[in-house]
Each structure stands twice: as C-alpha cells, then as structure tokens.
PDB file of N, CA and C in Angstrom:
ATOM      1  N   MET A   1     -75.029 138.106  38.031  1.00  0.00           N
ATOM      2  CA  MET A   1     -75.446 136.844  38.231  1.00  0.00           C
ATOM      3  C   MET A   1     -76.989 137.152  37.984  1.00  0.00           C
ATOM      4  N   THR A   2     -77.626 136.146  37.181  1.00  0.00           N
ATOM      5  CA  THR A   2     -79.042 136.253  36.914  1.00  0.00           C
ATOM      6  C   THR A   2     -79.829 135.658  38.039  1.00  0.00           C
ATOM      7  N   GLN A   3     -81.187 135.883  37.726  1.00  0.00           N
ATOM      8  CA  GLN A   3     -82.018 135.535  39.011  1.00  0.00           C
ATOM      9  C   GLN A   3     -81.798 134.057  39.116  1.00  0.00           C
ATOM     10  N   ILE A   4     -82.255 133.408  37.811  1.00  0.00           N
ATOM     11  CA  ILE A   4     -81.829 131.497  38.021  1.00  0.00           C
ATOM     12  C   ILE A   4     -80.496 131.176  38.503  1.00  0.00           C
ATOM     13  N   GLU A   5     -79.458 131.835  38.319  1.00  0.00           N
ATOM     14  CA  GLU A   5     -78.137 131.691  38.919  1.00  0.00           C
ATOM     15  C   GLU A   5     -78.224 131.815  40.253  1.00  0.00           C
ATOM     16  N   ARG A   6     -78.603 132.820  40.605  1.00  0.00           N
ATOM     17  CA  ARG A   6     -78.763 133.368  42.196  1.00  0.00           C
ATOM     18  C   ARG A   6     -79.740 132.233  43.021  1.00  0.00           C
ATOM     19  N   ILE A   7     -80.766 131.942  42.525  1.00  0.00           N
ATOM     20  CA  ILE A   7     -81.524 130.910  43.330  1.00  0.00           C
ATOM     21  C   ILE A   7     -81.038 129.606  43.065  1.00  0.00           C
ATOM     22  N   THR A   8     -80.367 128.967  41.996  1.00  0.00           N
ATOM     23  CA  THR A   8     -79.382 127.903  41.872  1.00  0.00           C
ATOM     24  C   THR A   8     -78.411 127.913  43.187  1.00  0.00           C
ATOM     25  N   ARG A   9     -77.462 128.920  43.053  1.00  0.00           N
ATOM     26  CA  ARG A   9     -76.523 129.025  44.193  1.00  0.00           C
ATOM     27  C   ARG A   9     -77.230 128.963  45.338  1.00  0.00           C
ATOM     28  N   MET A  10     -77.883 129.659  45.663  1.00  0.00           N
ATOM     29  CA  MET A  10     -78.911 129.699  46.921  1.00  0.00           C
ATOM     30  C   MET A  10     -79.288 128.476  47.478  1.00  0.00           C
ATOM     31  N   GLU A  11     -79.740 127.712  46.583  1.00  0.00           N
ATOM     32  CA  GLU A  11     -80.416 126.421  46.806  1.00  0.00           C
ATOM     33  C   GLU A  11     -79.061 125.343  46.891  1.00  0.00           C
ATOM     34  N   ALA A  12     -77.904 125.647  46.323  1.00  0.00           N
ATOM     35  CA  ALA A  12     -76.949 124.824  46.680  1.00  0.00           C
ATOM     36  C   ALA A  12     -76.340 124.817  47.865  1.00  0.00           C
ATOM     37  N   LEU A  13     -76.232 126.180  48.579  1.00  0.00           N
ATOM     38  CA  LEU A  13     -75.964 126.475  49.953  1.00  0.00           C
ATOM     39  C   LEU A  13     -76.978 125.773  50.799  1.00  0.00           C
ATOM     40  N   LEU A  14     -78.190 126.140  50.545  1.00  0.00           N
ATOM     41  CA  LEU A  14     -79.365 125.585  51.691  1.00  0.00           C
ATOM     42  C   LEU A  14     -78.789 124.149  51.660  1.00  0.00           C
ATOM     43  N   ASP A  15     -78.680 123.146  50.531  1.00  0.00           N
ATOM     44  CA  ASP A  15     -78.577 121.667  50.600  1.00  0.00           C
ATOM     45  C   ASP A  15     -77.049 121.746  51.396  1.00  0.00           C
ATOM     46  N   LYS A  16     -76.098 122.441  51.044  1.00  0.00           N
ATOM     47  CA  LYS A  16     -74.886 122.031  51.874  1.00  0.00           C
ATOM     48  C   LYS A  16     -75.089 122.217  53.193  1.00  0.00           C
ATOM     49  N   GLY A  17     -75.676 123.627  53.696  1.00  0.00           N
ATOM     50  CA  GLY A  17     -75.841 123.690  54.898  1.00  0.00           C
ATOM     51  C   GLY A  17     -76.646 122.555  55.486  1.00  0.00           C
ATOM     52  N   THR A  18     -77.815 122.366  55.150  1.00  0.00           N
ATOM     53  CA  THR A  18     -78.733 121.161  55.623  1.00  0.00           C
ATOM     54  C   THR A  18     -77.925 119.826  55.755  1.00  0.00           C
ATOM     55  N   GLU A  19     -77.115 119.507  54.758  1.00  0.00           N
ATOM     56  CA  GLU A  19     -76.227 118.258  54.935  1.00  0.00           C
ATOM     57  C   GLU A  19     -75.539 118.150  56.387  1.00  0.00           C
ATOM     58  N   THR A  20     -74.651 119.589  56.096  1.00  0.00           N
ATOM     59  CA  THR A  20     -73.581 119.512  57.141  1.00  0.00           C
ATOM     60  C   THR A  20     -74.125 119.780  58.449  1.00  0.00           C
ATOM     61  N   VAL A  21     -75.082 120.416  58.505  1.00  0.00           N
ATOM     62  CA  VAL A  21     -75.764 120.676  60.073  1.00  0.00           C
ATOM     63  C   VAL A  21     -76.242 118.953  60.416  1.00  0.00           C
ATOM     64  N   ARG A  22     -76.949 118.542  59.935  1.00  0.00           N
ATOM     65  CA  ARG A  22     -77.552 117.050  59.959  1.00  0.00           C
ATOM     66  C   ARG A  22     -76.486 116.002  60.076  1.00  0.00           C
ATOM     67  N   ARG A  23     -75.100 116.056  59.797  1.00  0.00           N
ATOM     68  CA  ARG A  23     -74.135 115.217  59.971  1.00  0.00           C
ATOM     69  C   ARG A  23     -73.406 115.892  61.385  1.00  0.00           C
ATOM     70  N   LEU A  24     -73.345 116.805  61.756  1.00  0.00           N
ATOM     71  CA  LEU A  24     -73.047 117.364  62.832  1.00  0.00           C
ATOM     72  C   LEU A  24     -73.848 116.887  63.929  1.00  0.00           C
ATOM     73  N   GLU A  25     -75.218 116.965  63.800  1.00  0.00           N
ATOM     74  CA  GLU A  25     -75.961 116.481  64.899  1.00  0.00           C
ATOM     75  C   GLU A  25     -76.234 115.241  65.066  1.00  0.00           C
ATOM     76  N   LYS A  26     -75.716 114.468  64.115  1.00  0.00           N
ATOM     77  CA  LYS A  26     -75.571 112.790  64.277  1.00  0.00           C
ATOM     78  C   LYS A  26     -74.437 112.652  65.090  1.00  0.00           C
ATOM     79  N   ALA A  27     -73.136 113.791  64.552  1.00  0.00           N
ATOM     80  CA  ALA A  27     -71.884 113.377  65.339  1.00  0.00           C
ATOM     81  C   ALA A  27     -71.996 113.537  66.723  1.00  0.00           C
ATOM     82  N   LEU A  28     -72.802 114.793  67.062  1.00  0.00           N
ATOM     83  CA  LEU A  28     -73.005 115.236  68.323  1.00  0.00           C
ATOM     84  C   LEU A  28     -73.681 114.002  69.517  1.00  0.00           C
ATOM     85  N   ASP A  29     -74.870 113.635  68.527  1.00  0.00           N
ATOM     86  CA  ASP A  29     -75.447 112.510  69.702  1.00  0.00           C
ATOM     87  C   ASP A  29     -74.552 111.286  69.851  1.00  0.00           C
ATOM     88  N   ASP A  30     -73.774 111.071  68.774  1.00  0.00           N
ATOM     89  CA  ASP A  30     -72.808 109.830  68.901  1.00  0.00           C
ATOM     90  C   ASP A  30     -71.672 110.237  70.020  1.00  0.00           C
ATOM     91  N   PHE A  31     -71.356 111.411  70.202  1.00  0.00           N
ATOM     92  CA  PHE A  31     -70.148 112.062  71.093  1.00  0.00           C
ATOM     93  C   PHE A  31     -70.944 111.919  72.405  1.00  0.00           C
ATOM     94  N   ALA A  32     -72.030 112.498  72.555  1.00  0.00           N
ATOM     95  CA  ALA A  32     -72.850 112.501  73.994  1.00  0.00           C
ATOM     96  C   ALA A  32     -73.014 111.145  74.267  1.00  0.00           C
ATOM     97  N   ALA A  33     -73.254 110.127  73.547  1.00  0.00           N
ATOM     98  CA  ALA A  33     -73.757 108.622  73.636  1.00  0.00           C
ATOM     99  C   ALA A  33     -72.216 108.124  74.374  1.00  0.00           C
ATOM    100  N   LEU A  34     -71.320 108.679  73.861  1.00  0.00           N
ATOM    101  CA  LEU A  34     -69.972 108.016  74.127  1.00  0.00           C
ATOM    102  C   LEU A  34     -69.471 107.811  75.603  1.00  0.00           C
ATOM    103  N   GLN A  35     -70.007 108.983  76.437  1.00  0.00           N
ATOM    104  CA  GLN A  35     -69.631 109.469  77.324  1.00  0.00           C
ATOM    105  C   GLN A  35     -69.485 108.235  78.494  1.00  0.00           C
ATOM    106  N   PRO A  36     -70.374 107.290  78.704  1.00  0.00           N
ATOM    107  CA  PRO A  36     -70.357 106.128  79.577  1.00  0.00           C
ATOM    108  C   PRO A  36     -69.202 104.925  78.996  1.00  0.00           C
ATOM    109  N   ASP A  37     -68.966 104.992  78.003  1.00  0.00           N
ATOM    110  CA  ASP A  37     -67.799 104.149  77.310  1.00  0.00           C
ATOM    111  C   ASP A  37     -66.585 104.964  77.936  1.00  0.00           C
ATOM    112  N   ILE A  38     -66.589 106.377  77.637  1.00  0.00           N
ATOM    113  CA  ILE A  38     -65.345 106.811  77.951  1.00  0.00           C
ATOM    114  C   ILE A  38     -64.927 106.725  79.662  1.00  0.00           C
ATOM    115  N   ASP A  39     -66.132 107.147  80.345  1.00  0.00           N
ATOM    116  CA  ASP A  39     -65.934 106.707  81.954  1.00  0.00           C
ATOM    117  C   ASP A  39     -65.311 105.435  82.149  1.00  0.00           C
ATOM    118  N   GLU A  40     -65.881 104.268  81.591  1.00  0.00           N
ATOM    119  CA  GLU A  40     -65.348 102.742  81.589  1.00  0.00           C
ATOM    120  C   GLU A  40     -63.958 102.975  81.549  1.00  0.00           C
ATOM    121  N   LEU A  41     -63.651 103.533  80.299  1.00  0.00           N
ATOM    122  CA  LEU A  41     -62.048 103.362  79.890  1.00  0.00           C
ATOM    123  C   LEU A  41     -61.399 104.101  80.805  1.00  0.00           C
ATOM    124  N   GLN A  42     -61.646 105.166  81.344  1.00  0.00           N
ATOM    125  CA  GLN A  42     -60.915 106.201  82.159  1.00  0.00           C
ATOM    126  C   GLN A  42     -60.674 105.014  83.600  1.00  0.00           C
ATOM    127  N   ALA A  43     -61.891 104.613  84.194  1.00  0.00           N
ATOM    128  CA  ALA A  43     -61.998 103.804  85.113  1.00  0.00           C
ATOM    129  C   ALA A  43     -60.761 102.646  85.156  1.00  0.00           C
ATOM    130  N   TYR A  44     -60.737 101.834  84.213  1.00  0.00           N
ATOM    131  CA  TYR A  44     -60.167 101.106  83.630  1.00  0.00           C
ATOM    132  C   TYR A  44     -58.280 101.515  83.760  1.00  0.00           C
ATOM    133  N   TYR A  45     -58.197 102.404  82.960  1.00  0.00           N
ATOM    134  CA  TYR A  45     -57.260 102.864  82.850  1.00  0.00           C
ATOM    135  C   TYR A  45     -56.302 103.347  84.239  1.00  0.00           C
ATOM    136  N   ASP A  46     -57.107 104.056  85.124  1.00  0.00           N
ATOM    137  CA  ASP A  46     -56.857 104.014  86.574  1.00  0.00           C
ATOM    138  C   ASP A  46     -56.840 103.270  87.550  1.00  0.00           C
ATOM    139  N   SER A  47     -57.201 101.715  86.961  1.00  0.00           N
ATOM    140  CA  SER A  47     -57.381 100.920  87.766  1.00  0.00           C
ATOM    141  C   SER A  47     -56.024  99.979  88.023  1.00  0.00           C
ATOM    142  N   ASP A  48     -56.188  99.120  88.982  1.00  0.00           N
ATOM    143  CA  ASP A  48     -55.053  98.042  89.276  1.00  0.00           C
ATOM    144  C   ASP A  48     -54.926  97.069  88.199  1.00  0.00           C
ATOM    145  N   ASP A  49     -56.261  96.827  87.543  1.00  0.00           N
ATOM    146  CA  ASP A  49     -56.475  95.997  86.474  1.00  0.00           C
ATOM    147  C   ASP A  49     -55.703  96.222  85.325  1.00  0.00           C
ATOM    148  N   TRP A  50     -55.592  97.391  84.904  1.00  0.00           N
ATOM    149  CA  TRP A  50     -54.766  97.963  83.884  1.00  0.00           C
ATOM    150  C   TRP A  50     -53.128  97.846  84.101  1.00  0.00           C
ATOM    151  N   ARG A  51     -53.149  97.961  85.388  1.00  0.00           N
ATOM    152  CA  ARG A  51     -51.289  98.067  85.660  1.00  0.00           C
ATOM    153  C   ARG A  51     -51.032  96.210  85.645  1.00  0.00           C
ATOM    154  N   THR A  52     -51.967  95.589  85.924  1.00  0.00           N
ATOM    155  CA  THR A  52     -51.755  94.253  85.998  1.00  0.00           C
ATOM    156  C   THR A  52     -51.657  93.549  84.310  1.00  0.00           C
ATOM    157  N   ASP A  53     -52.774  94.018  83.808  1.00  0.00           N
ATOM    158  CA  ASP A  53     -52.488  93.549  82.051  1.00  0.00           C
ATOM    159  C   ASP A  53     -51.714  94.307  81.495  1.00  0.00           C
ATOM    160  N   PHE A  54     -51.034  95.605  81.755  1.00  0.00           N
ATOM    161  CA  PHE A  54     -49.852  96.041  81.062  1.00  0.00           C
ATOM    162  C   PHE A  54     -48.820  95.283  81.427  1.00  0.00           C
ATOM    163  N   GLU A  55     -48.561  94.886  82.752  1.00  0.00           N
ATOM    164  CA  GLU A  55     -47.425  94.167  83.239  1.00  0.00           C
ATOM    165  C   GLU A  55     -47.511  92.759  82.682  1.00  0.00           C
ATOM    166  N   ALA A  56     -48.397  92.111  82.517  1.00  0.00           N
ATOM    167  CA  ALA A  56     -48.444  90.801  81.813  1.00  0.00           C
ATOM    168  C   ALA A  56     -48.177  91.064  80.200  1.00  0.00           C
ATOM    169  N   ASP A  57     -48.469  92.190  79.748  1.00  0.00           N
ATOM    170  CA  ASP A  57     -48.117  92.143  78.261  1.00  0.00           C
ATOM    171  C   ASP A  57     -46.374  92.493  78.111  1.00  0.00           C
ATOM    172  N   GLU A  58     -46.074  93.242  79.010  1.00  0.00           N
ATOM    173  CA  GLU A  58     -44.565  93.475  79.179  1.00  0.00           C
ATOM    174  C   GLU A  58     -43.977  92.070  79.315  1.00  0.00           C
ATOM    175  N   ALA A  59     -44.427  91.081  80.164  1.00  0.00           N
ATOM    176  CA  ALA A  59     -43.660  89.887  80.527  1.00  0.00           C
ATOM    177  C   ALA A  59     -44.078  88.897  79.364  1.00  0.00           C
ATOM    178  N   GLY A  60     -45.047  89.370  78.459  1.00  0.00           N
ATOM    179  CA  GLY A  60     -45.120  88.448  77.099  1.00  0.00           C
ATOM    180  C   GLY A  60     -46.168  87.247  77.372  1.00  0.00           C
ATOM    181  N   LEU A  61     -46.980  87.797  78.249  1.00  0.00           N
ATOM    182  CA  LEU A  61     -47.854  86.342  79.043  1.00  0.00           C
ATOM    183  C   LEU A  61     -49.056  86.430  78.167  1.00  0.00           C
ATOM    184  N   LEU A  62     -49.368  87.483  77.149  1.00  0.00           N
ATOM    185  CA  LEU A  62     -50.565  87.680  76.370  1.00  0.00           C
ATOM    186  C   LEU A  62     -50.350  87.047  75.216  1.00  0.00           C
ATOM    187  N   PRO A  63     -51.311  86.445  74.276  1.00  0.00           N
ATOM    188  CA  PRO A  63     -51.513  86.375  73.356  1.00  0.00           C
ATOM    189  C   PRO A  63     -50.654  87.135  71.920  1.00  0.00           C
ATOM    190  N   LYS A  64     -49.984  86.954  71.336  1.00  0.00           N
ATOM    191  CA  LYS A  64     -49.385  87.626  70.325  1.00  0.00           C
ATOM    192  C   LYS A  64     -50.182  88.230  69.487  1.00  0.00           C
ATOM    193  N   ASP A  65     -51.307  87.819  68.994  1.00  0.00           N
ATOM    194  CA  ASP A  65     -52.253  88.270  68.142  1.00  0.00           C
ATOM    195  C   ASP A  65     -53.551  89.154  68.663  1.00  0.00           C
ATOM    196  N   LEU A  66     -53.459  88.938  70.214  1.00  0.00           N
ATOM    197  CA  LEU A  66     -54.209  90.080  70.819  1.00  0.00           C
ATOM    198  C   LEU A  66     -54.201  91.693  70.397  1.00  0.00           C
ATOM    199  N   LYS A  67     -55.283  92.130  70.548  1.00  0.00           N
ATOM    200  CA  LYS A  67     -55.371  93.468  70.176  1.00  0.00           C
ATOM    201  C   LYS A  67     -55.109  94.095  71.656  1.00  0.00           C
ATOM    202  N   ARG A  68     -54.161  95.146  71.624  1.00  0.00           N
ATOM    203  CA  ARG A  68     -54.235  95.551  72.964  1.00  0.00           C
ATOM    204  C   ARG A  68     -53.501  96.808  72.983  1.00  0.00           C
ATOM    205  N   GLY A  69     -54.174  97.517  72.064  1.00  0.00           N
ATOM    206  CA  GLY A  69     -53.873  99.232  72.119  1.00  0.00           C
ATOM    207  C   GLY A  69     -54.115  99.853  73.311  1.00  0.00           C
ATOM    208  N   VAL A  70     -55.108  99.276  74.100  1.00  0.00           N
ATOM    209  CA  VAL A  70     -55.555  99.794  75.469  1.00  0.00           C
ATOM    210  C   VAL A  70     -54.535  99.818  76.234  1.00  0.00           C
ATOM    211  N   LEU A  71     -53.416  99.140  76.170  1.00  0.00           N
ATOM    212  CA  LEU A  71     -52.290  98.976  77.114  1.00  0.00           C
ATOM    213  C   LEU A  71     -51.233  99.854  76.578  1.00  0.00           C
ATOM    214  N   SER A  72     -51.497 100.568  75.733  1.00  0.00           N
ATOM    215  CA  SER A  72     -50.409 101.666  75.332  1.00  0.00           C
ATOM    216  C   SER A  72     -50.833 102.987  76.120  1.00  0.00           C
ATOM    217  N   GLU A  73     -49.958 103.365  77.202  1.00  0.00           N
ATOM    218  CA  GLU A  73     -50.088 104.463  77.890  1.00  0.00           C
ATOM    219  C   GLU A  73     -50.745 105.743  76.859  1.00  0.00           C
ATOM    220  N   ASP A  74     -50.008 105.919  76.242  1.00  0.00           N
ATOM    221  CA  ASP A  74     -50.245 107.148  75.047  1.00  0.00           C
ATOM    222  C   ASP A  74     -51.617 107.046  74.271  1.00  0.00           C
ATOM    223  N   GLY A  75     -51.790 105.790  74.055  1.00  0.00           N
ATOM    224  CA  GLY A  75     -53.222 105.814  73.202  1.00  0.00           C
ATOM    225  C   GLY A  75     -54.442 106.101  73.720  1.00  0.00           C
ATOM    226  N   VAL A  76     -54.467 105.490  75.518  1.00  0.00           N
ATOM    227  CA  VAL A  76     -55.718 105.804  76.173  1.00  0.00           C
ATOM    228  C   VAL A  76     -55.581 107.333  76.713  1.00  0.00           C
ATOM    229  N   TYR A  77     -54.726 107.741  77.127  1.00  0.00           N
ATOM    230  CA  TYR A  77     -54.180 108.994  77.483  1.00  0.00           C
ATOM    231  C   TYR A  77     -54.721 110.267  76.383  1.00  0.00           C
ATOM    232  N   ASP A  78     -53.943 109.907  75.141  1.00  0.00           N
ATOM    233  CA  ASP A  78     -54.448 111.041  74.029  1.00  0.00           C
ATOM    234  C   ASP A  78     -56.164 111.020  74.037  1.00  0.00           C
ATOM    235  N   LEU A  79     -56.517 109.740  73.837  1.00  0.00           N
ATOM    236  CA  LEU A  79     -57.936 109.644  73.577  1.00  0.00           C
ATOM    237  C   LEU A  79     -58.587 110.450  74.843  1.00  0.00           C
ATOM    238  N   LEU A  80     -58.255 110.032  75.667  1.00  0.00           N
ATOM    239  CA  LEU A  80     -59.270 111.141  76.831  1.00  0.00           C
ATOM    240  C   LEU A  80     -58.816 112.314  76.962  1.00  0.00           C
ATOM    241  N   GLU A  81     -57.787 112.912  76.587  1.00  0.00           N
ATOM    242  CA  GLU A  81     -57.703 114.370  76.337  1.00  0.00           C
ATOM    243  C   GLU A  81     -58.407 115.037  75.319  1.00  0.00           C
ATOM    244  N   ASP A  82     -58.150 114.244  74.058  1.00  0.00           N
ATOM    245  CA  ASP A  82     -58.793 114.593  72.920  1.00  0.00           C
ATOM    246  C   ASP A  82     -60.451 114.897  73.412  1.00  0.00           C
ATOM    247  N   TYR A  83     -60.932 113.965  74.059  1.00  0.00           N
ATOM    248  CA  TYR A  83     -62.395 113.921  74.356  1.00  0.00           C
ATOM    249  C   TYR A  83     -62.937 114.973  75.409  1.00  0.00           C
ATOM    250  N   GLN A  84     -61.794 115.263  76.060  1.00  0.00           N
ATOM    251  CA  GLN A  84     -62.053 116.346  76.979  1.00  0.00           C
ATOM    252  C   GLN A  84     -61.961 117.674  76.433  1.00  0.00           C
ATOM    253  N   CYS A  85     -60.888 117.813  75.426  1.00  0.00           N
ATOM    254  CA  CYS A  85     -60.844 119.050  74.752  1.00  0.00           C
ATOM    255  C   CYS A  85     -62.093 119.568  73.451  1.00  0.00           C
ATOM    256  N   LEU A  86     -62.361 118.253  73.332  1.00  0.00           N
ATOM    257  CA  LEU A  86     -63.644 118.588  72.304  1.00  0.00           C
ATOM    258  C   LEU A  86     -64.909 118.693  73.019  1.00  0.00           C
ATOM    259  N   LYS A  87     -65.066 118.386  74.304  1.00  0.00           N
ATOM    260  CA  LYS A  87     -66.252 118.655  75.480  1.00  0.00           C
ATOM    261  C   LYS A  87     -65.915 120.042  75.669  1.00  0.00           C
ATOM    262  N   ASP A  88     -64.635 120.693  75.914  1.00  0.00           N
ATOM    263  CA  ASP A  88     -64.380 122.032  76.491  1.00  0.00           C
ATOM    264  C   ASP A  88     -65.006 122.903  75.036  1.00  0.00           C
ATOM    265  N   GLN A  89     -64.588 122.490  73.797  1.00  0.00           N
ATOM    266  CA  GLN A  89     -64.996 123.106  72.639  1.00  0.00           C
ATOM    267  C   GLN A  89     -66.431 123.227  72.607  1.00  0.00           C
ATOM    268  N   ILE A  90     -66.823 122.365  72.601  1.00  0.00           N
ATOM    269  CA  ILE A  90     -68.413 122.218  72.687  1.00  0.00           C
ATOM    270  C   ILE A  90     -69.169 123.019  73.477  1.00  0.00           C
ATOM    271  N   ARG A  91     -68.412 123.359  74.888  1.00  0.00           N
ATOM    272  CA  ARG A  91     -69.421 124.050  75.832  1.00  0.00           C
ATOM    273  C   ARG A  91     -69.001 125.576  75.556  1.00  0.00           C
ATOM    274  N   THR A  92     -67.898 125.794  74.747  1.00  0.00           N
ATOM    275  CA  THR A  92     -67.890 127.340  74.298  1.00  0.00           C
ATOM    276  C   THR A  92     -68.597 127.741  73.376  1.00  0.00           C
ATOM    277  N   ILE A  93     -69.029 126.456  72.607  1.00  0.00           N
ATOM    278  CA  ILE A  93     -69.749 127.122  71.283  1.00  0.00           C
ATOM    279  C   ILE A  93     -71.304 127.286  71.825  1.00  0.00           C
ATOM    280  N   GLU A  94     -71.669 126.783  72.925  1.00  0.00           N
ATOM    281  CA  GLU A  94     -73.202 126.608  73.613  1.00  0.00           C
ATOM    282  C   GLU A  94     -73.431 128.235  74.095  1.00  0.00           C
TER     283      GLU A  94
END
C-alpha cells in the first residue's frame, strides 16, 4: 500500500468512525429522552384504564379505524422488554 493509499484509507476510516459515533450519540440522546414516555406507557399498561380500553375494544365499542396497537398485550410488553434489555446493555458498556 502506498503512502497516499494508506492516508486515503485512514481518512475513510476516520470519516466512517466519526459519522457512526455521531449517529450513536444522537440515538442514545433520543433513547434517554424516551424514559418519561416509557414510564407513562408502563403506568397505562398496568392500570385499570388499559383493562377498560382493552375490554371496550374486545366488545367492538371502539371505532374500527382507531389505531390501537397499544391494546395489543404483546406489542406493549415486547416494547417494554426490549427497552429494558437495551438499558441493561448500555449499562454493561459503561
């Protein structure tokens, strides 16, 4: 590898590393900012309100065009589990 090729390659690695670190920093900031929303979702999922909303959906009392993935037991549970796994993974990196 020539000197020019080596410098060019290292410059490409620097650019790639810099961009990846910046994207990860942004993603970690977004993830940290999500905590209050996750807490609110968890509280709703554990509440009587969720059960009431779920039962209303099961009884066909909600509008058919209402987006209601939050009433899917698996959807909320899976998100909360994934969120916690990512938090644990981040802790092991620190």
